[in-house]
Amino acid sequence: MNSLKLDKFKGTQIKGYGNLVYEEIMNYLELPIFLTDLQKKNSRLKYDLASITKILILTRILEPSSKRSSVEKIKKYW
């Protein structure tokens, strides 16, 4: 696994750096690619499965709580 490079975030405002590490792990495991492929196979899915899953995983890891509470905390990190 490569070291986390913050250069790609230069010039952007990030509210919390804790999520960057977990996001890199998810990318390393190719989870977004898997979820995007899964969504393409099931055309009935109307929402971005990769984004929703990422948000729920990250908020549950960083601040464990209910799914509803996790959704309400989204603005804290993004």
PDB file of N, CA and C in Angstrom:
ATOM      1  N   MET A   1       0.848  -1.173   0.000  1.00  0.00           N
ATOM      2  CA  MET A   1       0.000   0.000   0.000  1.00  0.00           C
ATOM      3  C   MET A   1       0.892   1.234   0.000  1.00  0.00           C
ATOM      4  N   ASN A   2       0.592   2.150  -0.859  1.00  0.00           N
ATOM      5  CA  ASN A   2       1.384   3.378  -0.950  1.00  0.00           C
ATOM      6  C   ASN A   2       1.081   4.294   0.217  1.00  0.00           C
ATOM      7  N   SER A   3       2.028   5.175   0.505  1.00  0.00           N
ATOM      8  CA  SER A   3       1.781   6.150   1.563  1.00  0.00           C
ATOM      9  C   SER A   3       0.747   7.166   1.080  1.00  0.00           C
ATOM     10  N   LEU A   4       0.042   7.714   2.004  1.00  0.00           N
ATOM     11  CA  LEU A   4      -1.007   8.678   1.693  1.00  0.00           C
ATOM     12  C   LEU A   4      -0.378   9.989   1.262  1.00  0.00           C
ATOM     13  N   LYS A   5      -0.722  10.430   0.070  1.00  0.00           N
ATOM     14  CA  LYS A   5      -0.178  11.677  -0.452  1.00  0.00           C
ATOM     15  C   LYS A   5      -1.263  12.748  -0.380  1.00  0.00           C
ATOM     16  N   LEU A   6      -0.949  13.811   0.322  1.00  0.00           N
ATOM     17  CA  LEU A   6      -1.931  14.884   0.494  1.00  0.00           C
ATOM     18  C   LEU A   6      -1.866  15.913  -0.628  1.00  0.00           C
ATOM     19  N   ASP A   7      -0.915  15.759  -1.566  1.00  0.00           N
ATOM     20  CA  ASP A   7      -0.777  16.718  -2.660  1.00  0.00           C
ATOM     21  C   ASP A   7      -2.047  16.813  -3.506  1.00  0.00           C
ATOM     22  N   LYS A   8      -2.737  15.692  -3.667  1.00  0.00           N
ATOM     23  CA  LYS A   8      -3.934  15.718  -4.510  1.00  0.00           C
ATOM     24  C   LYS A   8      -5.071  16.528  -3.887  1.00  0.00           C
ATOM     25  N   PHE A   9      -4.944  16.857  -2.599  1.00  0.00           N
ATOM     26  CA  PHE A   9      -5.966  17.642  -1.914  1.00  0.00           C
ATOM     27  C   PHE A   9      -5.577  19.108  -1.774  1.00  0.00           C
ATOM     28  N   LYS A  10      -4.457  19.491  -2.367  1.00  0.00           N
ATOM     29  CA  LYS A  10      -3.972  20.865  -2.258  1.00  0.00           C
ATOM     30  C   LYS A  10      -4.998  21.822  -2.879  1.00  0.00           C
ATOM     31  N   GLY A  11      -5.333  22.840  -2.157  1.00  0.00           N
ATOM     32  CA  GLY A  11      -6.274  23.833  -2.652  1.00  0.00           C
ATOM     33  C   GLY A  11      -7.729  23.514  -2.350  1.00  0.00           C
ATOM     34  N   THR A  12      -7.985  22.350  -1.771  1.00  0.00           N
ATOM     35  CA  THR A  12      -9.356  22.009  -1.404  1.00  0.00           C
ATOM     36  C   THR A  12      -9.512  22.093   0.104  1.00  0.00           C
ATOM     37  N   GLN A  13     -10.691  22.400   0.523  1.00  0.00           N
ATOM     38  CA  GLN A  13     -10.964  22.505   1.950  1.00  0.00           C
ATOM     39  C   GLN A  13     -11.466  21.153   2.457  1.00  0.00           C
ATOM     40  N   ILE A  14     -10.761  20.615   3.434  1.00  0.00           N
ATOM     41  CA  ILE A  14     -11.132  19.332   4.020  1.00  0.00           C
ATOM     42  C   ILE A  14     -11.481  19.571   5.476  1.00  0.00           C
ATOM     43  N   LYS A  15     -12.646  19.104   5.890  1.00  0.00           N
ATOM     44  CA  LYS A  15     -13.084  19.349   7.263  1.00  0.00           C
ATOM     45  C   LYS A  15     -12.443  18.395   8.257  1.00  0.00           C
ATOM     46  N   GLY A  16     -12.087  17.194   7.833  1.00  0.00           N
ATOM     47  CA  GLY A  16     -11.474  16.222   8.732  1.00  0.00           C
ATOM     48  C   GLY A  16     -10.521  15.333   7.960  1.00  0.00           C
ATOM     49  N   TYR A  17      -9.344  15.109   8.514  1.00  0.00           N
ATOM     50  CA  TYR A  17      -8.358  14.290   7.822  1.00  0.00           C
ATOM     51  C   TYR A  17      -8.494  12.813   8.160  1.00  0.00           C
ATOM     52  N   GLY A  18      -9.234  12.464   9.183  1.00  0.00           N
ATOM     53  CA  GLY A  18      -9.380  11.071   9.581  1.00  0.00           C
ATOM     54  C   GLY A  18      -9.974  10.201   8.487  1.00  0.00           C
ATOM     55  N   ASN A  19     -10.859  10.772   7.702  1.00  0.00           N
ATOM     56  CA  ASN A  19     -11.503   9.990   6.653  1.00  0.00           C
ATOM     57  C   ASN A  19     -10.574   9.681   5.490  1.00  0.00           C
ATOM     58  N   LEU A  20      -9.508  10.449   5.302  1.00  0.00           N
ATOM     59  CA  LEU A  20      -8.612  10.230   4.169  1.00  0.00           C
ATOM     60  C   LEU A  20      -7.930   8.870   4.239  1.00  0.00           C
ATOM     61  N   VAL A  21      -7.527   8.459   5.411  1.00  0.00           N
ATOM     62  CA  VAL A  21      -6.858   7.169   5.581  1.00  0.00           C
ATOM     63  C   VAL A  21      -7.806   6.037   5.204  1.00  0.00           C
ATOM     64  N   TYR A  22      -9.018   6.085   5.712  1.00  0.00           N
ATOM     65  CA  TYR A  22      -9.990   5.032   5.417  1.00  0.00           C
ATOM     66  C   TYR A  22     -10.413   5.054   3.951  1.00  0.00           C
ATOM     67  N   GLU A  23     -10.463   6.232   3.374  1.00  0.00           N
ATOM     68  CA  GLU A  23     -10.808   6.346   1.963  1.00  0.00           C
ATOM     69  C   GLU A  23      -9.736   5.689   1.097  1.00  0.00           C
ATOM     70  N   GLU A  24      -8.476   5.891   1.464  1.00  0.00           N
ATOM     71  CA  GLU A  24      -7.376   5.256   0.738  1.00  0.00           C
ATOM     72  C   GLU A  24      -7.443   3.736   0.868  1.00  0.00           C
ATOM     73  N   ILE A  25      -7.792   3.239   2.035  1.00  0.00           N
ATOM     74  CA  ILE A  25      -7.930   1.790   2.230  1.00  0.00           C
ATOM     75  C   ILE A  25      -9.053   1.249   1.346  1.00  0.00           C
ATOM     76  N   MET A  26     -10.160   1.966   1.288  1.00  0.00           N
ATOM     77  CA  MET A  26     -11.272   1.536   0.443  1.00  0.00           C
ATOM     78  C   MET A  26     -10.856   1.503  -1.023  1.00  0.00           C
ATOM     79  N   ASN A  27     -10.091   2.507  -1.448  1.00  0.00           N
ATOM     80  CA  ASN A  27      -9.615   2.534  -2.832  1.00  0.00           C
ATOM     81  C   ASN A  27      -8.630   1.404  -3.096  1.00  0.00           C
ATOM     82  N   TYR A  28      -7.771   1.122  -2.126  1.00  0.00           N
ATOM     83  CA  TYR A  28      -6.805   0.035  -2.256  1.00  0.00           C
ATOM     84  C   TYR A  28      -7.525  -1.307  -2.411  1.00  0.00           C
ATOM     85  N   LEU A  29      -8.599  -1.493  -1.690  1.00  0.00           N
ATOM     86  CA  LEU A  29      -9.397  -2.719  -1.784  1.00  0.00           C
ATOM     87  C   LEU A  29     -10.320  -2.729  -3.007  1.00  0.00           C
ATOM     88  N   GLU A  30     -10.316  -1.631  -3.756  1.00  0.00           N
ATOM     89  CA  GLU A  30     -11.135  -1.460  -4.964  1.00  0.00           C
ATOM     90  C   GLU A  30     -12.633  -1.595  -4.681  1.00  0.00           C
ATOM     91  N   LEU A  31     -13.023  -1.172  -3.506  1.00  0.00           N
ATOM     92  CA  LEU A  31     -14.433  -1.227  -3.129  1.00  0.00           C
ATOM     93  C   LEU A  31     -15.310  -0.332  -4.012  1.00  0.00           C
ATOM     94  N   PRO A  32     -14.884   0.907  -4.329  1.00  0.00           N
ATOM     95  CA  PRO A  32     -15.734   1.735  -5.202  1.00  0.00           C
ATOM     96  C   PRO A  32     -15.939   1.112  -6.590  1.00  0.00           C
ATOM     97  N   ILE A  33     -14.903   0.470  -7.125  1.00  0.00           N
ATOM     98  CA  ILE A  33     -15.021  -0.172  -8.438  1.00  0.00           C
ATOM     99  C   ILE A  33     -16.014  -1.331  -8.365  1.00  0.00           C
ATOM    100  N   PHE A  34     -15.890  -2.136  -7.313  1.00  0.00           N
ATOM    101  CA  PHE A  34     -16.804  -3.267  -7.124  1.00  0.00           C
ATOM    102  C   PHE A  34     -18.254  -2.791  -7.025  1.00  0.00           C
ATOM    103  N   LEU A  35     -18.476  -1.749  -6.235  1.00  0.00           N
ATOM    104  CA  LEU A  35     -19.844  -1.259  -6.039  1.00  0.00           C
ATOM    105  C   LEU A  35     -20.406  -0.621  -7.305  1.00  0.00           C
ATOM    106  N   THR A  36     -19.558   0.057  -8.072  1.00  0.00           N
ATOM    107  CA  THR A  36     -19.999   0.650  -9.337  1.00  0.00           C
ATOM    108  C   THR A  36     -20.385  -0.444 -10.326  1.00  0.00           C
ATOM    109  N   ASP A  37     -19.573  -1.503 -10.401  1.00  0.00           N
ATOM    110  CA  ASP A  37     -19.903  -2.634 -11.279  1.00  0.00           C
ATOM    111  C   ASP A  37     -21.197  -3.309 -10.844  1.00  0.00           C
ATOM    112  N   LEU A  38     -21.370  -3.466  -9.557  1.00  0.00           N
ATOM    113  CA  LEU A  38     -22.593  -4.067  -9.017  1.00  0.00           C
ATOM    114  C   LEU A  38     -23.814  -3.226  -9.379  1.00  0.00           C
ATOM    115  N   GLN A  39     -23.654  -1.917  -9.313  1.00  0.00           N
ATOM    116  CA  GLN A  39     -24.762  -1.023  -9.641  1.00  0.00           C
ATOM    117  C   GLN A  39     -25.101  -1.112 -11.129  1.00  0.00           C
ATOM    118  N   LYS A  40     -24.083  -1.252 -11.978  1.00  0.00           N
ATOM    119  CA  LYS A  40     -24.334  -1.362 -13.419  1.00  0.00           C
ATOM    120  C   LYS A  40     -25.089  -2.645 -13.754  1.00  0.00           C
ATOM    121  N   LYS A  41     -24.808  -3.716 -13.009  1.00  0.00           N
ATOM    122  CA  LYS A  41     -25.487  -4.993 -13.250  1.00  0.00           C
ATOM    123  C   LYS A  41     -26.945  -4.937 -12.810  1.00  0.00           C
ATOM    124  N   ASN A  42     -27.240  -4.145 -11.811  1.00  0.00           N
ATOM    125  CA  ASN A  42     -28.607  -4.008 -11.315  1.00  0.00           C
ATOM    126  C   ASN A  42     -29.104  -2.616 -11.679  1.00  0.00           C
ATOM    127  N   SER A  43     -29.734  -2.515 -12.809  1.00  0.00           N
ATOM    128  CA  SER A  43     -30.142  -1.202 -13.327  1.00  0.00           C
ATOM    129  C   SER A  43     -31.261  -0.550 -12.518  1.00  0.00           C
ATOM    130  N   ARG A  44     -31.860  -1.284 -11.578  1.00  0.00           N
ATOM    131  CA  ARG A  44     -32.941  -0.698 -10.778  1.00  0.00           C
ATOM    132  C   ARG A  44     -32.421   0.237  -9.688  1.00  0.00           C
ATOM    133  N   LEU A  45     -31.144   0.172  -9.390  1.00  0.00           N
ATOM    134  CA  LEU A  45     -30.582   1.052  -8.360  1.00  0.00           C
ATOM    135  C   LEU A  45     -30.525   2.476  -8.896  1.00  0.00           C
ATOM    136  N   LYS A  46     -31.132   3.402  -8.172  1.00  0.00           N
ATOM    137  CA  LYS A  46     -31.220   4.786  -8.638  1.00  0.00           C
ATOM    138  C   LYS A  46     -30.181   5.702  -8.000  1.00  0.00           C
ATOM    139  N   TYR A  47     -29.546   5.251  -6.919  1.00  0.00           N
ATOM    140  CA  TYR A  47     -28.609   6.096  -6.187  1.00  0.00           C
ATOM    141  C   TYR A  47     -27.189   5.607  -6.403  1.00  0.00           C
ATOM    142  N   ASP A  48     -26.228   6.469  -6.148  1.00  0.00           N
ATOM    143  CA  ASP A  48     -24.817   6.112  -6.287  1.00  0.00           C
ATOM    144  C   ASP A  48     -24.415   5.218  -5.114  1.00  0.00           C
ATOM    145  N   LEU A  49     -24.391   3.936  -5.366  1.00  0.00           N
ATOM    146  CA  LEU A  49     -24.131   2.947  -4.323  1.00  0.00           C
ATOM    147  C   LEU A  49     -22.746   3.122  -3.701  1.00  0.00           C
ATOM    148  N   ALA A  50     -21.747   3.443  -4.524  1.00  0.00           N
ATOM    149  CA  ALA A  50     -20.379   3.611  -4.015  1.00  0.00           C
ATOM    150  C   ALA A  50     -20.293   4.791  -3.050  1.00  0.00           C
ATOM    151  N   SER A  51     -20.915   5.902  -3.386  1.00  0.00           N
ATOM    152  CA  SER A  51     -20.870   7.090  -2.518  1.00  0.00           C
ATOM    153  C   SER A  51     -21.618   6.865  -1.212  1.00  0.00           C
ATOM    154  N   ILE A  52     -22.780   6.266  -1.301  1.00  0.00           N
ATOM    155  CA  ILE A  52     -23.573   6.016  -0.093  1.00  0.00           C
ATOM    156  C   ILE A  52     -22.840   5.068   0.843  1.00  0.00           C
ATOM    157  N   THR A  53     -22.278   4.007   0.283  1.00  0.00           N
ATOM    158  CA  THR A  53     -21.548   3.031   1.096  1.00  0.00           C
ATOM    159  C   THR A  53     -20.327   3.666   1.737  1.00  0.00           C
ATOM    160  N   LYS A  54     -19.601   4.471   0.972  1.00  0.00           N
ATOM    161  CA  LYS A  54     -18.412   5.147   1.503  1.00  0.00           C
ATOM    162  C   LYS A  54     -18.784   6.045   2.679  1.00  0.00           C
ATOM    163  N   ILE A  55     -19.818   6.823   2.515  1.00  0.00           N
ATOM    164  CA  ILE A  55     -20.237   7.744   3.574  1.00  0.00           C
ATOM    165  C   ILE A  55     -20.647   6.975   4.832  1.00  0.00           C
ATOM    166  N   LEU A  56     -21.435   5.927   4.661  1.00  0.00           N
ATOM    167  CA  LEU A  56     -21.882   5.156   5.823  1.00  0.00           C
ATOM    168  C   LEU A  56     -20.723   4.460   6.528  1.00  0.00           C
ATOM    169  N   ILE A  57     -19.800   3.884   5.757  1.00  0.00           N
ATOM    170  CA  ILE A  57     -18.641   3.214   6.369  1.00  0.00           C
ATOM    171  C   ILE A  57     -17.789   4.213   7.133  1.00  0.00           C
ATOM    172  N   LEU A  58     -17.471   5.326   6.490  1.00  0.00           N
ATOM    173  CA  LEU A  58     -16.581   6.301   7.126  1.00  0.00           C
ATOM    174  C   LEU A  58     -17.198   6.928   8.370  1.00  0.00           C
ATOM    175  N   THR A  59     -18.460   7.278   8.303  1.00  0.00           N
ATOM    176  CA  THR A  59     -19.066   7.893   9.489  1.00  0.00           C
ATOM    177  C   THR A  59     -19.220   6.890  10.620  1.00  0.00           C
ATOM    178  N   ARG A  60     -19.490   5.633  10.286  1.00  0.00           N
ATOM    179  CA  ARG A  60     -19.622   4.616  11.344  1.00  0.00           C
ATOM    180  C   ARG A  60     -18.277   4.315  11.993  1.00  0.00           C
ATOM    181  N   ILE A  61     -17.182   4.365  11.226  1.00  0.00           N
ATOM    182  CA  ILE A  61     -15.848   4.123  11.792  1.00  0.00           C
ATOM    183  C   ILE A  61     -15.404   5.313  12.637  1.00  0.00           C
ATOM    184  N   LEU A  62     -15.558   6.514  12.092  1.00  0.00           N
ATOM    185  CA  LEU A  62     -15.054   7.708  12.772  1.00  0.00           C
ATOM    186  C   LEU A  62     -15.887   8.080  13.992  1.00  0.00           C
ATOM    187  N   GLU A  63     -17.195   7.916  13.901  1.00  0.00           N
ATOM    188  CA  GLU A  63     -18.084   8.224  15.026  1.00  0.00           C
ATOM    189  C   GLU A  63     -19.212   7.203  15.045  1.00  0.00           C
ATOM    190  N   PRO A  64     -19.001   6.064  15.695  1.00  0.00           N
ATOM    191  CA  PRO A  64     -20.021   5.011  15.702  1.00  0.00           C
ATOM    192  C   PRO A  64     -21.366   5.511  16.242  1.00  0.00           C
ATOM    193  N   SER A  65     -22.396   5.262  15.479  1.00  0.00           N
ATOM    194  CA  SER A  65     -23.753   5.644  15.870  1.00  0.00           C
ATOM    195  C   SER A  65     -24.721   4.929  14.936  1.00  0.00           C
ATOM    196  N   SER A  66     -25.963   5.289  14.982  1.00  0.00           N
ATOM    197  CA  SER A  66     -26.959   4.673  14.109  1.00  0.00           C
ATOM    198  C   SER A  66     -26.773   5.149  12.669  1.00  0.00           C
ATOM    199  N   LYS A  67     -27.386   4.421  11.723  1.00  0.00           N
ATOM    200  CA  LYS A  67     -27.300   4.827  10.322  1.00  0.00           C
ATOM    201  C   LYS A  67     -27.938   6.200  10.120  1.00  0.00           C
ATOM    202  N   ARG A  68     -29.031   6.431  10.787  1.00  0.00           N
ATOM    203  CA  ARG A  68     -29.714   7.724  10.664  1.00  0.00           C
ATOM    204  C   ARG A  68     -28.813   8.854  11.154  1.00  0.00           C
ATOM    205  N   SER A  69     -28.186   8.650  12.288  1.00  0.00           N
ATOM    206  CA  SER A  69     -27.274   9.647  12.834  1.00  0.00           C
ATOM    207  C   SER A  69     -26.069   9.843  11.917  1.00  0.00           C
ATOM    208  N   SER A  70     -25.604   8.760  11.302  1.00  0.00           N
ATOM    209  CA  SER A  70     -24.476   8.848  10.371  1.00  0.00           C
ATOM    210  C   SER A  70     -24.821   9.744   9.191  1.00  0.00           C
ATOM    211  N   VAL A  71     -26.022   9.582   8.664  1.00  0.00           N
ATOM    212  CA  VAL A  71     -26.459  10.400   7.534  1.00  0.00           C
ATOM    213  C   VAL A  71     -26.533  11.869   7.944  1.00  0.00           C
ATOM    214  N   GLU A  72     -26.963  12.142   9.165  1.00  0.00           N
ATOM    215  CA  GLU A  72     -27.058  13.522   9.642  1.00  0.00           C
ATOM    216  C   GLU A  72     -25.680  14.157   9.848  1.00  0.00           C
ATOM    217  N   LYS A  73     -24.641  13.348  10.045  1.00  0.00           N
ATOM    218  CA  LYS A  73     -23.291  13.861  10.293  1.00  0.00           C
ATOM    219  C   LYS A  73     -22.466  14.051   9.020  1.00  0.00           C
ATOM    220  N   ILE A  74     -23.038  13.784   7.873  1.00  0.00           N
ATOM    221  CA  ILE A  74     -22.306  13.857   6.611  1.00  0.00           C
ATOM    222  C   ILE A  74     -21.629  15.211   6.427  1.00  0.00           C
ATOM    223  N   LYS A  75     -22.299  16.283   6.716  1.00  0.00           N
ATOM    224  CA  LYS A  75     -21.754  17.624   6.496  1.00  0.00           C
ATOM    225  C   LYS A  75     -20.518  17.900   7.339  1.00  0.00           C
ATOM    226  N   LYS A  76     -20.335  17.151   8.403  1.00  0.00           N
ATOM    227  CA  LYS A  76     -19.166  17.348   9.255  1.00  0.00           C
ATOM    228  C   LYS A  76     -17.878  16.963   8.530  1.00  0.00           C
ATOM    229  N   TYR A  77     -17.968  15.995   7.626  1.00  0.00           N
ATOM    230  CA  TYR A  77     -16.776  15.500   6.943  1.00  0.00           C
ATOM    231  C   TYR A  77     -16.681  15.937   5.487  1.00  0.00           C
ATOM    232  N   TRP A  78     -17.835  16.250   4.850  1.00  0.00           N
ATOM    233  CA  TRP A  78     -17.787  16.629   3.445  1.00  0.00           C
ATOM    234  C   TRP A  78     -18.492  17.921   3.218  1.00  0.00           C
TER     235      TRP A  78
END
